[in-house]
Protein backbone atom coordinates (compact mmCIF):
# COMPACT_ATOMS: atom_id res chain seq x y z
CA UNK A 1 106.87 104.72 111.46
CA UNK A 2 105.57 101.67 113.28
CA UNK A 3 107.82 99.37 115.32
CA UNK A 4 106.72 95.87 116.34
CA UNK A 5 108.81 93.96 118.88
CA UNK A 6 108.76 90.15 118.91
CA UNK A 7 110.73 87.90 121.25
CA UNK A 8 112.02 84.94 119.22
CA UNK A 9 113.74 81.65 120.04
CA UNK A 10 117.24 81.78 121.45
CA UNK A 11 116.80 85.15 123.11
CA UNK A 12 116.67 87.03 119.81
CA UNK A 13 114.47 90.10 119.52
CA UNK A 14 112.95 90.90 116.13
CA UNK A 15 112.13 94.55 115.48
CA UNK A 16 109.84 94.94 112.47
CA UNK A 17 109.81 98.47 111.07
CA UNK A 18 107.23 99.98 108.74
CA UNK A 19 107.38 103.43 107.12
CA UNK A 20 110.00 106.18 107.11
CA UNK A 21 112.93 106.07 109.52
CA UNK A 22 113.95 109.69 109.97
CA UNK A 23 114.67 112.34 112.57
CA UNK A 24 111.03 112.34 113.67
CA UNK A 25 110.60 108.57 113.97
CA UNK A 26 114.09 107.44 115.05
CA UNK A 27 113.22 107.95 118.74
CA UNK A 28 110.66 105.11 118.41
CA UNK A 29 113.38 102.80 117.10
CA UNK A 30 115.81 103.90 119.82
CA UNK A 31 113.16 103.26 122.47
CA UNK A 32 112.52 99.75 121.12
CA UNK A 33 116.26 99.04 120.94
CA UNK A 34 116.84 100.32 124.45
CA UNK A 35 113.89 98.27 125.71
CA UNK A 36 115.45 95.09 124.32
CA UNK A 37 118.94 95.97 125.56
CA UNK A 38 117.66 96.91 129.01
CA UNK A 39 116.01 93.46 129.23
CA UNK A 40 119.39 91.84 128.53
CA UNK A 41 118.53 91.02 124.91
CA UNK A 42 121.73 91.66 122.98
CA UNK A 43 120.84 89.66 119.86
CA UNK A 44 118.62 91.86 117.71
CA UNK A 45 117.34 91.45 114.16
CA UNK A 46 115.79 94.47 112.43
CA UNK A 47 113.32 93.71 109.62
CA UNK A 48 113.69 96.54 107.07
CA UNK A 49 111.33 95.03 104.49
CA UNK A 50 108.72 97.78 104.88
CA UNK A 51 111.07 100.73 105.42
CA UNK A 52 110.68 103.16 102.54
CA UNK A 53 113.12 105.85 103.71
CA UNK A 54 116.05 106.13 106.12
CA UNK A 55 118.10 109.20 106.97
CA UNK A 56 121.38 109.65 108.84
CA UNK A 57 119.66 109.60 112.23
CA UNK A 58 118.26 106.14 111.50
CA UNK A 59 121.65 104.95 110.26
CA UNK A 60 123.26 106.32 113.42
CA UNK A 61 120.75 104.39 115.54
CA UNK A 62 121.80 101.16 113.79
CA UNK A 63 125.50 101.92 114.38
CA UNK A 64 125.01 102.77 118.08
CA UNK A 65 122.85 99.70 118.70
CA UNK A 66 125.31 97.44 116.88
CA UNK A 67 128.17 98.70 119.06
CA UNK A 68 126.16 98.17 122.23
CA UNK A 69 125.08 94.64 121.22
CA UNK A 70 128.63 93.60 120.31
CA UNK A 71 130.02 95.06 123.55
CA UNK A 72 127.65 92.73 125.42
CA UNK A 73 128.58 89.67 123.35
CA UNK A 74 125.58 89.84 121.03
CA UNK A 75 124.82 91.13 117.57
CA UNK A 76 122.62 93.41 115.52
CA UNK A 77 121.53 92.11 112.12
CA UNK A 78 119.62 93.97 109.45
CA UNK A 79 117.25 92.00 107.24
CA UNK A 80 115.34 92.39 103.98
CA UNK A 81 116.36 95.92 102.99
CA UNK A 82 114.89 97.33 99.79
CA UNK A 83 117.38 97.80 96.94
CA UNK A 84 117.55 101.53 97.79
CA UNK A 85 118.22 100.88 101.46
CA UNK A 86 120.76 98.14 100.68
CA UNK A 87 122.69 100.61 98.47
CA UNK A 88 122.49 103.27 101.18
CA UNK A 89 123.82 100.89 103.87
CA UNK A 90 126.66 99.91 101.54
CA UNK A 91 127.46 103.49 100.51
CA UNK A 92 127.82 104.69 104.11
CA UNK A 93 129.90 101.63 105.04
CA UNK A 94 127.52 99.95 107.48
CA UNK A 95 127.45 96.65 105.55
CA UNK A 96 131.10 96.18 106.45
CA UNK A 97 130.27 96.44 110.15
CA UNK A 98 126.68 95.24 110.53
CA UNK A 99 125.57 91.96 108.92
CA UNK A 100 122.83 92.48 106.33
CA UNK A 101 120.72 89.47 105.30
CA UNK A 102 118.38 89.09 102.33
CA UNK A 103 115.56 87.72 104.50
CA UNK A 104 114.44 87.84 108.11
CA UNK A 105 114.66 84.04 108.26
CA UNK A 106 118.32 84.16 107.17
CA UNK A 107 119.10 86.75 109.83
CA UNK A 108 117.33 84.79 112.58
CA UNK A 109 119.02 81.48 111.74
CA UNK A 110 122.49 82.65 110.66
CA UNK A 111 124.29 81.16 113.65
CA UNK A 112 122.12 78.18 114.58
CA UNK A 113 124.00 74.86 114.76
CA UNK A 114 123.46 72.29 112.05
CA UNK A 115 120.53 69.94 112.68
CA UNK A 116 120.86 66.15 112.97
CA UNK A 117 120.70 65.73 109.19
CA UNK A 118 123.34 68.40 108.69
CA UNK A 119 120.83 71.07 107.74
CA UNK A 120 122.53 74.32 108.67
CA UNK A 121 120.11 76.65 110.36
CA UNK A 122 117.42 74.03 110.91
CA UNK A 123 115.09 75.14 113.67
CA UNK A 124 114.09 72.69 116.39
CA UNK A 125 110.76 70.99 115.81
CA UNK A 126 107.81 72.32 117.74
CA UNK A 127 105.62 69.27 117.06
CA UNK A 128 104.28 67.57 120.18
CA UNK A 129 105.60 64.16 121.13
CA UNK A 130 103.34 61.23 120.72
């Protein structure tokens, strides 16, 4: 499994996973989660779009990280799970505790204030003035 860590706007950390999340690869995810948490980043989005397998160790890592984020006033959000993974998260009851979003964009913008035109989740413009 590969884990890419990206610092996003608003202090959110995006973890993009690729491959199988199992007993052998879960330590990589835990290390990335702990790295973000140790830097005071308690708002984490996990992109599951390229995860093709997840076992109980991976699910446990999500549950532990969610609890730690919430205890610090933040959140853990899961994004873009495959149909298989979405069913698995639902079956084990994690969707009732951890927000799951259809897309990474939805997960990143879920709690942004409405923009001036009332567009919920509108990101601030990055265009230069002038």
